[in-house]
């Protein structure tokens, strides 16, 4: 890990309160520069999103770490499959793959599907499946331990709550004039949902 990555993890993630060892290890294992377009390489470890073409962005490192931590089960619970909606260039997918045994990602822009697959293949990451198509509906009839969306829904997608396994967690942005990150958990008492952070994501383009 180079000095710029070390600074990114310390200054942008640890110093902002994310100290879960699983998240820090995953962030350290995936070089963000590998996913950033050539023209933005000098800004690869910058504290903010960067364009990746097609009106899409690679997320801010802090947000990637924040959302990853949000969907993790307790450390004594075995992790399962995570569904990712809006895989983009594959950076968030690669981070999730360091923790979850299986990642199923959806990306609607064909060029980004190919780029994400190529990026992951180059890094030797084999537990991520990037599917080409609209993931906004999730995968009806299936359920997951975790769901993460990296593009914002106009209206909060209640239909995705039914795709969470018992104890499963979901984090996603939603909103029209203002966007918020929602954290959802499928508890024994039912679905628990709360807004946790004001955010600004690119829209879920399928909408």
N, C-alpha and C. Protein backbone atom coordinates (compact mmCIF):
# COMPACT_ATOMS: atom_id res chain seq x y z
N UNK A 1 0.86 -1.20 0.00
CA UNK A 1 0.00 0.00 0.00
C UNK A 1 0.89 1.24 0.00
N UNK A 2 0.65 2.15 -0.94
CA UNK A 2 1.48 3.35 -1.04
C UNK A 2 1.08 4.39 0.01
N UNK A 3 1.89 5.43 0.13
CA UNK A 3 1.68 6.44 1.16
C UNK A 3 0.38 7.21 0.94
N UNK A 4 0.00 7.41 -0.32
CA UNK A 4 -1.25 8.14 -0.60
C UNK A 4 -2.46 7.34 -0.13
N UNK A 5 -2.41 6.02 -0.34
CA UNK A 5 -3.50 5.16 0.15
C UNK A 5 -3.55 5.16 1.67
N UNK A 6 -2.38 5.10 2.29
CA UNK A 6 -2.32 5.12 3.76
C UNK A 6 -2.94 6.40 4.30
N UNK A 7 -2.61 7.51 3.66
CA UNK A 7 -3.18 8.80 4.09
C UNK A 7 -4.69 8.83 3.86
N UNK A 8 -5.13 8.30 2.72
CA UNK A 8 -6.57 8.25 2.42
C UNK A 8 -7.32 7.49 3.52
N UNK A 9 -6.79 6.34 3.90
CA UNK A 9 -7.46 5.51 4.89
C UNK A 9 -7.43 6.18 6.26
N UNK A 10 -6.30 6.76 6.61
CA UNK A 10 -6.19 7.41 7.92
C UNK A 10 -7.05 8.67 8.01
N UNK A 11 -6.85 9.57 7.04
CA UNK A 11 -7.47 10.90 7.12
C UNK A 11 -8.96 10.88 6.78
N UNK A 12 -9.33 10.08 5.77
CA UNK A 12 -10.71 10.13 5.29
C UNK A 12 -11.62 9.11 5.97
N UNK A 13 -11.04 8.05 6.52
CA UNK A 13 -11.86 6.96 7.03
C UNK A 13 -11.70 6.78 8.54
N UNK A 14 -10.49 6.49 9.00
CA UNK A 14 -10.28 6.27 10.44
C UNK A 14 -10.58 7.53 11.24
N UNK A 15 -10.05 8.67 10.76
CA UNK A 15 -10.25 9.92 11.50
C UNK A 15 -11.70 10.37 11.52
N UNK A 16 -12.55 9.78 10.66
CA UNK A 16 -13.97 10.10 10.66
C UNK A 16 -14.79 9.04 11.40
N UNK A 17 -14.10 8.16 12.10
CA UNK A 17 -14.80 7.26 13.00
C UNK A 17 -15.07 5.85 12.51
N UNK A 18 -14.57 5.51 11.33
CA UNK A 18 -14.76 4.14 10.84
C UNK A 18 -13.52 3.33 11.22
N UNK A 19 -13.68 2.45 12.20
CA UNK A 19 -12.54 1.71 12.73
C UNK A 19 -12.73 0.20 12.67
N UNK A 20 -13.83 -0.28 12.08
CA UNK A 20 -14.04 -1.71 11.96
C UNK A 20 -12.88 -2.32 11.17
N UNK A 21 -12.21 -3.29 11.77
CA UNK A 21 -11.01 -3.85 11.15
C UNK A 21 -11.31 -4.51 9.81
N UNK A 22 -12.52 -5.07 9.65
CA UNK A 22 -12.87 -5.71 8.38
C UNK A 22 -12.94 -4.68 7.26
N UNK A 23 -13.50 -3.52 7.56
CA UNK A 23 -13.62 -2.46 6.56
C UNK A 23 -12.25 -1.88 6.23
N UNK A 24 -11.45 -1.62 7.23
CA UNK A 24 -10.13 -1.04 6.99
C UNK A 24 -9.25 -1.99 6.18
N UNK A 25 -9.32 -3.26 6.49
CA UNK A 25 -8.54 -4.25 5.75
C UNK A 25 -8.99 -4.32 4.30
N UNK A 26 -10.30 -4.26 4.08
CA UNK A 26 -10.84 -4.30 2.72
C UNK A 26 -10.45 -3.06 1.92
N UNK A 27 -10.53 -1.89 2.54
CA UNK A 27 -10.15 -0.65 1.85
C UNK A 27 -8.67 -0.65 1.51
N UNK A 28 -7.86 -1.21 2.40
CA UNK A 28 -6.42 -1.26 2.17
C UNK A 28 -6.05 -2.25 1.08
N UNK A 29 -6.90 -3.24 0.85
CA UNK A 29 -6.60 -4.29 -0.12
C UNK A 29 -6.95 -3.90 -1.55
N UNK A 30 -7.73 -2.82 -1.72
CA UNK A 30 -8.20 -2.42 -3.05
C UNK A 30 -7.70 -1.02 -3.38
N UNK A 31 -6.83 -0.93 -4.37
CA UNK A 31 -6.26 0.36 -4.76
C UNK A 31 -7.27 1.11 -5.63
N UNK A 32 -7.75 2.23 -5.12
CA UNK A 32 -8.76 3.01 -5.85
C UNK A 32 -8.24 3.48 -7.21
N UNK A 33 -6.92 3.70 -7.30
CA UNK A 33 -6.34 4.18 -8.56
C UNK A 33 -6.58 3.20 -9.70
N UNK A 34 -6.72 1.93 -9.37
CA UNK A 34 -6.96 0.92 -10.40
C UNK A 34 -8.30 1.13 -11.10
N UNK A 35 -9.23 1.81 -10.45
CA UNK A 35 -10.59 1.97 -10.97
C UNK A 35 -10.84 3.38 -11.51
N UNK A 36 -9.92 4.29 -11.30
CA UNK A 36 -10.09 5.68 -11.72
C UNK A 36 -9.58 5.86 -13.15
N UNK A 37 -10.34 6.55 -14.02
CA UNK A 37 -9.87 6.78 -15.40
C UNK A 37 -8.51 7.46 -15.44
N UNK A 38 -7.80 7.21 -16.50
CA UNK A 38 -6.41 7.69 -16.62
C UNK A 38 -6.29 9.19 -16.40
N UNK A 39 -7.24 9.95 -16.92
CA UNK A 39 -7.13 11.41 -16.81
C UNK A 39 -7.31 11.93 -15.38
N UNK A 40 -7.79 11.07 -14.49
CA UNK A 40 -7.98 11.49 -13.10
C UNK A 40 -7.04 10.77 -12.13
N UNK A 41 -5.99 10.12 -12.65
CA UNK A 41 -5.11 9.35 -11.79
C UNK A 41 -4.47 10.20 -10.69
N UNK A 42 -4.18 11.45 -10.98
CA UNK A 42 -3.57 12.33 -9.98
C UNK A 42 -4.52 12.60 -8.81
N UNK A 43 -5.80 12.34 -9.02
CA UNK A 43 -6.81 12.60 -7.98
C UNK A 43 -7.40 11.30 -7.42
N UNK A 44 -6.72 10.18 -7.66
CA UNK A 44 -7.27 8.87 -7.32
C UNK A 44 -7.62 8.71 -5.86
N UNK A 45 -6.88 9.37 -4.97
CA UNK A 45 -7.12 9.19 -3.52
C UNK A 45 -7.80 10.42 -2.92
N UNK A 46 -8.41 11.21 -3.77
CA UNK A 46 -9.06 12.44 -3.36
C UNK A 46 -10.32 12.15 -2.54
N UNK A 47 -10.64 13.07 -1.66
CA UNK A 47 -11.80 12.94 -0.77
C UNK A 47 -13.07 13.41 -1.49
N UNK A 48 -13.51 12.64 -2.48
CA UNK A 48 -14.70 13.01 -3.22
C UNK A 48 -14.90 12.05 -4.37
N UNK A 49 -16.10 12.08 -4.98
CA UNK A 49 -16.35 11.23 -6.16
C UNK A 49 -15.59 11.75 -7.36
N UNK A 50 -15.41 10.87 -8.36
CA UNK A 50 -14.73 11.26 -9.59
C UNK A 50 -15.52 10.71 -10.78
N UNK A 51 -15.52 11.43 -11.91
CA UNK A 51 -16.24 10.94 -13.09
C UNK A 51 -15.61 9.67 -13.64
N UNK A 52 -16.46 8.75 -14.11
CA UNK A 52 -15.97 7.54 -14.78
C UNK A 52 -16.62 7.41 -16.16
N UNK A 53 -17.22 8.51 -16.64
CA UNK A 53 -17.89 8.50 -17.94
C UNK A 53 -19.35 8.11 -17.82
N UNK A 54 -20.11 8.40 -18.89
CA UNK A 54 -21.53 8.02 -18.97
C UNK A 54 -22.35 8.66 -17.85
N UNK A 55 -21.93 9.85 -17.40
CA UNK A 55 -22.60 10.59 -16.32
C UNK A 55 -22.64 9.81 -15.01
N UNK A 56 -21.65 8.95 -14.82
CA UNK A 56 -21.54 8.16 -13.59
C UNK A 56 -20.26 8.53 -12.86
N UNK A 57 -20.17 8.14 -11.60
CA UNK A 57 -18.99 8.47 -10.79
C UNK A 57 -18.52 7.27 -9.99
N UNK A 58 -17.26 7.32 -9.60
CA UNK A 58 -16.73 6.41 -8.59
C UNK A 58 -16.91 7.11 -7.25
N UNK A 59 -17.45 6.41 -6.28
CA UNK A 59 -17.83 7.05 -5.03
C UNK A 59 -16.63 7.50 -4.21
N UNK A 60 -16.89 8.48 -3.37
CA UNK A 60 -15.92 8.98 -2.40
C UNK A 60 -15.45 7.82 -1.50
N UNK A 61 -14.16 7.72 -1.20
CA UNK A 61 -13.67 6.62 -0.36
C UNK A 61 -14.41 6.50 0.98
N UNK A 62 -14.68 7.63 1.62
CA UNK A 62 -15.39 7.58 2.91
C UNK A 62 -16.76 6.94 2.76
N UNK A 63 -17.48 7.28 1.69
CA UNK A 63 -18.82 6.73 1.49
C UNK A 63 -18.76 5.24 1.23
N UNK A 64 -17.76 4.79 0.45
CA UNK A 64 -17.58 3.36 0.21
C UNK A 64 -17.37 2.63 1.53
N UNK A 65 -16.51 3.18 2.37
CA UNK A 65 -16.24 2.56 3.67
C UNK A 65 -17.47 2.63 4.58
N UNK A 66 -18.15 3.77 4.57
CA UNK A 66 -19.33 3.98 5.42
C UNK A 66 -20.43 2.99 5.08
N UNK A 67 -20.71 2.84 3.77
CA UNK A 67 -21.78 1.96 3.35
C UNK A 67 -21.42 0.49 3.58
N UNK A 68 -20.14 0.17 3.39
CA UNK A 68 -19.70 -1.19 3.65
C UNK A 68 -19.89 -1.54 5.12
N UNK A 69 -19.47 -0.65 5.98
CA UNK A 69 -19.64 -0.89 7.42
C UNK A 69 -21.12 -1.02 7.79
N UNK A 70 -21.97 -0.22 7.15
CA UNK A 70 -23.39 -0.19 7.50
C UNK A 70 -24.08 -1.53 7.29
N UNK A 71 -23.65 -2.30 6.29
CA UNK A 71 -24.35 -3.55 5.98
C UNK A 71 -23.67 -4.78 6.59
N UNK A 72 -22.58 -4.58 7.32
CA UNK A 72 -21.89 -5.73 7.90
C UNK A 72 -22.68 -6.31 9.06
N UNK A 73 -22.73 -7.64 9.17
CA UNK A 73 -23.32 -8.25 10.35
C UNK A 73 -22.35 -8.13 11.52
N UNK A 74 -22.79 -8.45 12.73
CA UNK A 74 -21.85 -8.49 13.85
C UNK A 74 -20.68 -9.42 13.54
N UNK A 75 -19.54 -9.16 14.16
CA UNK A 75 -18.33 -9.90 13.82
C UNK A 75 -18.43 -11.39 14.12
N UNK A 76 -19.39 -11.78 14.96
CA UNK A 76 -19.53 -13.20 15.29
C UNK A 76 -20.57 -13.90 14.41
N UNK A 77 -21.10 -13.19 13.40
CA UNK A 77 -22.07 -13.77 12.48
C UNK A 77 -21.41 -14.00 11.13
N UNK A 78 -21.60 -15.17 10.57
CA UNK A 78 -20.99 -15.50 9.29
C UNK A 78 -21.61 -14.65 8.18
N UNK A 79 -20.77 -14.12 7.31
CA UNK A 79 -21.28 -13.27 6.23
C UNK A 79 -21.76 -14.14 5.07
N UNK A 80 -22.73 -13.60 4.32
CA UNK A 80 -23.31 -14.32 3.19
C UNK A 80 -23.18 -13.53 1.91
N UNK A 81 -24.22 -13.58 1.07
CA UNK A 81 -24.19 -12.93 -0.24
C UNK A 81 -24.70 -11.50 -0.15
N UNK A 82 -24.04 -10.60 -0.88
CA UNK A 82 -24.48 -9.21 -0.94
C UNK A 82 -24.90 -8.88 -2.37
N UNK A 83 -26.01 -8.16 -2.50
CA UNK A 83 -26.51 -7.67 -3.78
C UNK A 83 -26.15 -6.20 -3.89
N UNK A 84 -25.47 -5.86 -4.99
CA UNK A 84 -25.05 -4.47 -5.21
C UNK A 84 -25.75 -3.92 -6.44
N UNK A 85 -26.38 -2.77 -6.31
CA UNK A 85 -27.13 -2.16 -7.40
C UNK A 85 -26.39 -0.90 -7.85
N UNK A 86 -25.93 -0.90 -9.09
CA UNK A 86 -25.16 0.23 -9.60
C UNK A 86 -23.68 0.02 -9.36
N UNK A 87 -23.10 -0.98 -10.02
CA UNK A 87 -21.71 -1.36 -9.74
C UNK A 87 -20.69 -0.40 -10.36
N UNK A 88 -21.09 0.37 -11.36
CA UNK A 88 -20.17 1.33 -11.95
C UNK A 88 -18.92 0.66 -12.48
N UNK A 89 -17.76 1.16 -12.04
CA UNK A 89 -16.48 0.62 -12.51
C UNK A 89 -15.98 -0.53 -11.66
N UNK A 90 -16.73 -0.90 -10.60
CA UNK A 90 -16.39 -2.08 -9.81
C UNK A 90 -15.63 -1.82 -8.53
N UNK A 91 -15.41 -0.56 -8.16
CA UNK A 91 -14.62 -0.28 -6.95
C UNK A 91 -15.33 -0.76 -5.68
N UNK A 92 -16.58 -0.36 -5.50
CA UNK A 92 -17.33 -0.82 -4.33
C UNK A 92 -17.45 -2.35 -4.34
N UNK A 93 -17.65 -2.92 -5.52
CA UNK A 93 -17.74 -4.38 -5.65
C UNK A 93 -16.48 -5.04 -5.12
N UNK A 94 -15.33 -4.49 -5.49
CA UNK A 94 -14.05 -5.07 -5.09
C UNK A 94 -13.85 -4.99 -3.58
N UNK A 95 -14.29 -3.89 -2.99
CA UNK A 95 -14.18 -3.74 -1.53
C UNK A 95 -15.09 -4.75 -0.84
N UNK A 96 -16.32 -4.88 -1.31
CA UNK A 96 -17.26 -5.84 -0.73
C UNK A 96 -16.72 -7.26 -0.85
N UNK A 97 -16.04 -7.54 -1.96
CA UNK A 97 -15.53 -8.89 -2.21
C UNK A 97 -14.45 -9.32 -1.23
N UNK A 98 -13.85 -8.34 -0.55
CA UNK A 98 -12.84 -8.68 0.46
C UNK A 98 -13.48 -9.22 1.73
N UNK A 99 -14.79 -8.99 1.90
CA UNK A 99 -15.49 -9.36 3.14
C UNK A 99 -16.55 -10.42 2.90
N UNK A 100 -17.35 -10.22 1.85
CA UNK A 100 -18.46 -11.13 1.56
C UNK A 100 -17.99 -12.24 0.62
N UNK A 101 -18.43 -13.48 0.84
CA UNK A 101 -17.99 -14.58 -0.02
C UNK A 101 -18.54 -14.50 -1.44
N UNK A 102 -19.66 -13.78 -1.62
CA UNK A 102 -20.24 -13.66 -2.95
C UNK A 102 -20.87 -12.29 -3.10
N UNK A 103 -20.57 -11.63 -4.22
CA UNK A 103 -21.14 -10.32 -4.54
C UNK A 103 -21.83 -10.45 -5.90
N UNK A 104 -23.11 -10.10 -5.94
CA UNK A 104 -23.85 -10.05 -7.20
C UNK A 104 -24.13 -8.58 -7.50
N UNK A 105 -23.54 -8.07 -8.57
CA UNK A 105 -23.70 -6.66 -8.90
C UNK A 105 -24.49 -6.47 -10.19
N UNK A 106 -25.24 -5.38 -10.26
CA UNK A 106 -25.96 -5.00 -11.47
C UNK A 106 -25.45 -3.65 -11.95
N UNK A 107 -25.26 -3.53 -13.25
CA UNK A 107 -24.88 -2.25 -13.86
C UNK A 107 -25.60 -2.15 -15.20
N UNK A 108 -26.23 -0.99 -15.45
CA UNK A 108 -27.06 -0.81 -16.63
C UNK A 108 -26.28 -0.34 -17.85
N UNK A 109 -25.16 0.36 -17.64
CA UNK A 109 -24.37 0.90 -18.76
C UNK A 109 -23.42 -0.19 -19.27
N UNK A 110 -23.62 -0.69 -20.49
CA UNK A 110 -22.81 -1.82 -20.98
C UNK A 110 -21.31 -1.58 -20.91
N UNK A 111 -20.88 -0.36 -21.25
CA UNK A 111 -19.45 -0.06 -21.22
C UNK A 111 -18.88 -0.19 -19.81
N UNK A 112 -19.67 0.20 -18.80
CA UNK A 112 -19.21 0.09 -17.42
C UNK A 112 -19.24 -1.36 -16.94
N UNK A 113 -20.18 -2.14 -17.45
CA UNK A 113 -20.20 -3.57 -17.14
C UNK A 113 -18.87 -4.20 -17.56
N UNK A 114 -18.47 -3.92 -18.79
CA UNK A 114 -17.22 -4.49 -19.31
C UNK A 114 -16.02 -3.98 -18.51
N UNK A 115 -16.05 -2.69 -18.18
CA UNK A 115 -14.92 -2.12 -17.43
C UNK A 115 -14.82 -2.72 -16.04
N UNK A 116 -15.97 -2.85 -15.37
CA UNK A 116 -15.97 -3.43 -14.03
C UNK A 116 -15.45 -4.86 -14.06
N UNK A 117 -15.95 -5.64 -15.01
CA UNK A 117 -15.50 -7.03 -15.13
C UNK A 117 -13.99 -7.09 -15.37
N UNK A 118 -13.51 -6.22 -16.25
CA UNK A 118 -12.08 -6.21 -16.58
C UNK A 118 -11.25 -5.79 -15.35
N UNK A 119 -11.70 -4.76 -14.66
CA UNK A 119 -10.99 -4.31 -13.46
C UNK A 119 -10.88 -5.42 -12.42
N UNK A 120 -11.99 -6.11 -12.19
CA UNK A 120 -12.01 -7.17 -11.19
C UNK A 120 -11.15 -8.35 -11.62
N UNK A 121 -11.23 -8.67 -12.91
CA UNK A 121 -10.43 -9.79 -13.42
C UNK A 121 -8.94 -9.50 -13.30
N UNK A 122 -8.55 -8.27 -13.60
CA UNK A 122 -7.15 -7.89 -13.51
C UNK A 122 -6.62 -8.05 -12.09
N UNK A 123 -7.47 -7.79 -11.11
CA UNK A 123 -7.07 -7.91 -9.71
C UNK A 123 -7.21 -9.33 -9.18
N UNK A 124 -7.70 -10.24 -10.03
CA UNK A 124 -7.85 -11.63 -9.60
C UNK A 124 -9.00 -11.84 -8.64
N UNK A 125 -10.00 -10.95 -8.67
CA UNK A 125 -11.18 -11.08 -7.80
C UNK A 125 -12.21 -11.95 -8.51
N UNK A 126 -12.50 -13.10 -7.94
CA UNK A 126 -13.34 -14.09 -8.62
C UNK A 126 -14.70 -14.31 -7.97
N UNK A 127 -14.96 -13.66 -6.85
CA UNK A 127 -16.23 -13.88 -6.14
C UNK A 127 -17.25 -12.77 -6.39
N UNK A 128 -17.06 -12.04 -7.49
CA UNK A 128 -18.01 -11.00 -7.89
C UNK A 128 -18.58 -11.35 -9.25
N UNK A 129 -19.90 -11.27 -9.36
CA UNK A 129 -20.60 -11.50 -10.63
C UNK A 129 -21.31 -10.20 -11.01
N UNK A 130 -20.81 -9.54 -12.05
CA UNK A 130 -21.43 -8.30 -12.52
C UNK A 130 -22.41 -8.65 -13.63
N UNK A 131 -23.68 -8.37 -13.39
CA UNK A 131 -24.71 -8.65 -14.38
C UNK A 131 -25.07 -7.35 -15.12
N UNK A 132 -25.31 -7.48 -16.41
CA UNK A 132 -25.67 -6.34 -17.23
C UNK A 132 -27.19 -6.18 -17.24
N UNK A 133 -27.65 -5.03 -16.77
CA UNK A 133 -29.09 -4.80 -16.79
C UNK A 133 -29.55 -3.93 -15.63
N UNK A 134 -30.84 -3.76 -15.56
CA UNK A 134 -31.49 -2.91 -14.56
C UNK A 134 -31.61 -3.66 -13.24
N UNK A 135 -30.90 -3.21 -12.23
CA UNK A 135 -30.96 -3.88 -10.93
C UNK A 135 -31.90 -3.23 -9.94
N UNK A 136 -32.64 -2.20 -10.38
CA UNK A 136 -33.45 -1.44 -9.41
C UNK A 136 -34.53 -2.28 -8.75
N UNK A 137 -34.92 -3.38 -9.39
CA UNK A 137 -35.91 -4.26 -8.79
C UNK A 137 -35.31 -5.37 -7.96
N UNK A 138 -33.97 -5.36 -7.85
CA UNK A 138 -33.32 -6.47 -7.14
C UNK A 138 -33.47 -7.74 -7.95
N UNK A 139 -33.55 -8.87 -7.24
CA UNK A 139 -33.81 -10.16 -7.89
C UNK A 139 -35.03 -10.78 -7.21
N UNK A 140 -36.22 -10.55 -7.74
CA UNK A 140 -37.43 -11.07 -7.12
C UNK A 140 -37.34 -12.58 -6.90
N UNK A 141 -37.81 -13.00 -5.74
CA UNK A 141 -37.79 -14.42 -5.42
C UNK A 141 -36.53 -14.85 -4.71
N UNK A 142 -35.55 -13.96 -4.61
CA UNK A 142 -34.33 -14.28 -3.88
C UNK A 142 -34.19 -13.35 -2.68
N UNK A 143 -33.35 -13.77 -1.75
CA UNK A 143 -33.11 -12.94 -0.56
C UNK A 143 -31.62 -12.96 -0.24
N UNK A 144 -31.15 -11.88 0.34
CA UNK A 144 -29.72 -11.67 0.54
C UNK A 144 -29.44 -11.22 1.97
N UNK A 145 -28.21 -11.48 2.39
CA UNK A 145 -27.83 -11.01 3.72
C UNK A 145 -27.65 -9.50 3.72
N UNK A 146 -27.25 -8.97 2.58
CA UNK A 146 -27.03 -7.53 2.50
C UNK A 146 -27.37 -7.02 1.10
N UNK A 147 -27.85 -5.78 1.04
CA UNK A 147 -28.13 -5.10 -0.22
C UNK A 147 -27.54 -3.70 -0.12
N UNK A 148 -26.85 -3.29 -1.19
CA UNK A 148 -26.24 -1.96 -1.22
C UNK A 148 -26.53 -1.35 -2.59
N UNK A 149 -26.99 -0.11 -2.61
CA UNK A 149 -27.21 0.59 -3.87
C UNK A 149 -26.31 1.81 -3.93
N UNK A 150 -25.62 1.98 -5.04
CA UNK A 150 -24.69 3.10 -5.20
C UNK A 150 -25.22 4.14 -6.18
N UNK A 151 -26.54 4.12 -6.40
CA UNK A 151 -27.22 5.16 -7.17
C UNK A 151 -28.55 5.43 -6.46
N UNK A 152 -29.03 6.64 -6.61
CA UNK A 152 -30.17 7.07 -5.79
C UNK A 152 -31.53 6.80 -6.45
N UNK A 153 -32.42 6.20 -5.67
CA UNK A 153 -33.81 6.02 -6.08
C UNK A 153 -34.56 7.34 -5.87
N UNK A 154 -35.46 7.66 -6.79
CA UNK A 154 -36.31 8.84 -6.61
C UNK A 154 -37.21 8.65 -5.40
N UNK A 155 -37.84 7.50 -5.32
CA UNK A 155 -38.70 7.15 -4.18
C UNK A 155 -38.10 5.94 -3.47
N UNK A 156 -38.19 5.94 -2.17
CA UNK A 156 -37.61 4.85 -1.41
C UNK A 156 -38.19 3.51 -1.87
N UNK A 157 -37.34 2.51 -2.21
CA UNK A 157 -37.79 1.25 -2.81
C UNK A 157 -38.20 0.20 -1.76
N UNK A 158 -39.44 0.29 -1.31
CA UNK A 158 -39.91 -0.67 -0.30
C UNK A 158 -39.85 -2.10 -0.80
N UNK A 159 -39.91 -2.29 -2.13
CA UNK A 159 -39.92 -3.65 -2.67
C UNK A 159 -38.63 -4.41 -2.36
N UNK A 160 -37.54 -3.69 -2.13
CA UNK A 160 -36.28 -4.36 -1.84
C UNK A 160 -36.23 -4.92 -0.41
N UNK A 161 -37.06 -4.40 0.46
CA UNK A 161 -37.05 -4.88 1.85
C UNK A 161 -37.41 -6.37 1.91
N UNK A 162 -38.25 -6.82 0.99
CA UNK A 162 -38.64 -8.22 0.98
C UNK A 162 -37.56 -9.15 0.48
N UNK A 163 -36.42 -8.59 0.03
CA UNK A 163 -35.31 -9.40 -0.45
C UNK A 163 -34.18 -9.50 0.58
N UNK A 164 -34.48 -9.10 1.82
CA UNK A 164 -33.50 -9.22 2.90
C UNK A 164 -33.77 -10.48 3.72
N UNK A 165 -32.75 -11.27 3.93
CA UNK A 165 -32.86 -12.41 4.84
C UNK A 165 -33.05 -11.93 6.26
N UNK A 166 -33.58 -12.77 7.15
CA UNK A 166 -33.66 -12.39 8.58
C UNK A 166 -32.28 -11.97 9.09
N UNK A 167 -32.24 -10.82 9.73
CA UNK A 167 -30.98 -10.28 10.21
C UNK A 167 -30.21 -9.50 9.16
N UNK A 168 -30.70 -9.51 7.92
CA UNK A 168 -30.01 -8.84 6.83
C UNK A 168 -30.12 -7.33 6.91
N UNK A 169 -29.18 -6.64 6.25
CA UNK A 169 -29.15 -5.18 6.26
C UNK A 169 -29.08 -4.63 4.84
N UNK A 170 -29.62 -3.44 4.68
CA UNK A 170 -29.60 -2.76 3.38
C UNK A 170 -29.24 -1.31 3.58
N UNK A 171 -28.43 -0.76 2.68
CA UNK A 171 -28.11 0.66 2.71
C UNK A 171 -28.23 1.21 1.30
N UNK A 172 -28.93 2.33 1.15
CA UNK A 172 -29.13 2.91 -0.18
C UNK A 172 -29.56 4.37 -0.07
N UNK A 173 -29.28 5.15 -1.11
CA UNK A 173 -29.75 6.54 -1.15
C UNK A 173 -31.10 6.64 -1.85
N UNK A 174 -31.91 7.57 -1.37
CA UNK A 174 -33.20 7.82 -2.00
C UNK A 174 -33.63 9.24 -1.70
N UNK A 175 -34.41 9.80 -2.61
CA UNK A 175 -34.93 11.15 -2.40
C UNK A 175 -35.04 11.90 -3.70
N UNK A 176 -35.82 12.98 -3.67
CA UNK A 176 -36.01 13.79 -4.87
C UNK A 176 -35.25 15.11 -4.75
N UNK A 177 -35.79 16.09 -4.05
CA UNK A 177 -35.07 17.35 -3.87
C UNK A 177 -33.84 17.15 -2.98
N UNK A 178 -34.00 16.34 -1.95
CA UNK A 178 -32.90 16.02 -1.05
C UNK A 178 -32.75 14.51 -0.99
N UNK A 179 -31.52 14.05 -0.97
CA UNK A 179 -31.26 12.62 -0.87
C UNK A 179 -30.76 12.27 0.53
N UNK A 180 -31.17 11.10 0.98
CA UNK A 180 -30.68 10.59 2.26
C UNK A 180 -30.27 9.13 2.10
N UNK A 181 -29.28 8.75 2.88
CA UNK A 181 -28.88 7.36 2.94
C UNK A 181 -29.77 6.67 3.98
N UNK A 182 -30.39 5.58 3.57
CA UNK A 182 -31.26 4.81 4.46
C UNK A 182 -30.55 3.53 4.89
N UNK A 183 -30.68 3.21 6.16
CA UNK A 183 -30.20 1.94 6.68
C UNK A 183 -31.41 1.13 7.11
N UNK A 184 -31.48 -0.11 6.62
CA UNK A 184 -32.63 -0.97 6.86
C UNK A 184 -32.13 -2.29 7.42
N UNK A 185 -32.86 -2.82 8.40
CA UNK A 185 -32.50 -4.13 8.94
C UNK A 185 -33.76 -4.98 9.11
N UNK A 186 -33.66 -6.25 8.72
CA UNK A 186 -34.76 -7.18 8.88
C UNK A 186 -34.63 -7.85 10.24
N UNK A 187 -35.30 -7.29 11.23
CA UNK A 187 -35.18 -7.76 12.61
C UNK A 187 -36.30 -8.75 12.94
N UNK A 188 -36.19 -9.47 14.06
CA UNK A 188 -37.28 -10.36 14.48
C UNK A 188 -38.59 -9.62 14.70
N UNK A 189 -38.52 -8.32 14.98
CA UNK A 189 -39.73 -7.52 15.20
C UNK A 189 -40.26 -6.90 13.91
N UNK A 190 -39.55 -7.15 12.80
CA UNK A 190 -39.98 -6.59 11.52
C UNK A 190 -38.90 -5.71 10.92
N UNK A 191 -39.26 -4.99 9.87
CA UNK A 191 -38.31 -4.13 9.17
C UNK A 191 -38.06 -2.86 9.98
N UNK A 192 -36.79 -2.59 10.23
CA UNK A 192 -36.37 -1.36 10.91
C UNK A 192 -35.67 -0.49 9.89
N UNK A 193 -36.14 0.75 9.72
CA UNK A 193 -35.61 1.64 8.69
C UNK A 193 -35.35 3.02 9.27
N UNK A 194 -34.19 3.60 8.95
CA UNK A 194 -33.92 4.96 9.40
C UNK A 194 -33.03 5.69 8.40
N UNK A 195 -33.17 7.02 8.37
CA UNK A 195 -32.29 7.86 7.57
C UNK A 195 -31.04 8.15 8.39
N UNK A 196 -29.87 7.98 7.77
CA UNK A 196 -28.65 8.11 8.55
C UNK A 196 -27.70 9.20 8.06
N UNK A 197 -27.89 9.69 6.83
CA UNK A 197 -26.91 10.63 6.31
C UNK A 197 -27.48 11.35 5.09
N UNK A 198 -27.29 12.67 5.02
CA UNK A 198 -27.63 13.41 3.81
C UNK A 198 -26.52 13.17 2.78
N UNK A 199 -26.90 12.84 1.54
CA UNK A 199 -25.91 12.46 0.52
C UNK A 199 -26.29 13.06 -0.83
N UNK A 200 -25.39 12.88 -1.80
CA UNK A 200 -25.68 13.27 -3.17
C UNK A 200 -25.09 12.21 -4.09
N UNK A 201 -25.96 11.35 -4.65
CA UNK A 201 -25.55 10.29 -5.55
C UNK A 201 -26.10 10.56 -6.94
N UNK A 202 -25.50 9.95 -7.94
CA UNK A 202 -26.09 9.98 -9.28
C UNK A 202 -27.40 9.21 -9.23
N UNK A 203 -28.37 9.56 -10.07
CA UNK A 203 -29.67 8.87 -10.02
C UNK A 203 -29.60 7.46 -10.56
N UNK A 204 -30.51 6.62 -10.09
CA UNK A 204 -30.69 5.27 -10.64
C UNK A 204 -31.26 5.45 -12.04
N UNK A 205 -30.46 5.28 -13.07
CA UNK A 205 -30.83 5.71 -14.40
C UNK A 205 -31.98 4.89 -14.99
N UNK A 206 -32.24 3.72 -14.46
CA UNK A 206 -33.36 2.93 -14.98
C UNK A 206 -34.69 3.62 -14.74
N UNK A 207 -34.73 4.51 -13.77
CA UNK A 207 -35.96 5.22 -13.47
C UNK A 207 -36.25 6.34 -14.47
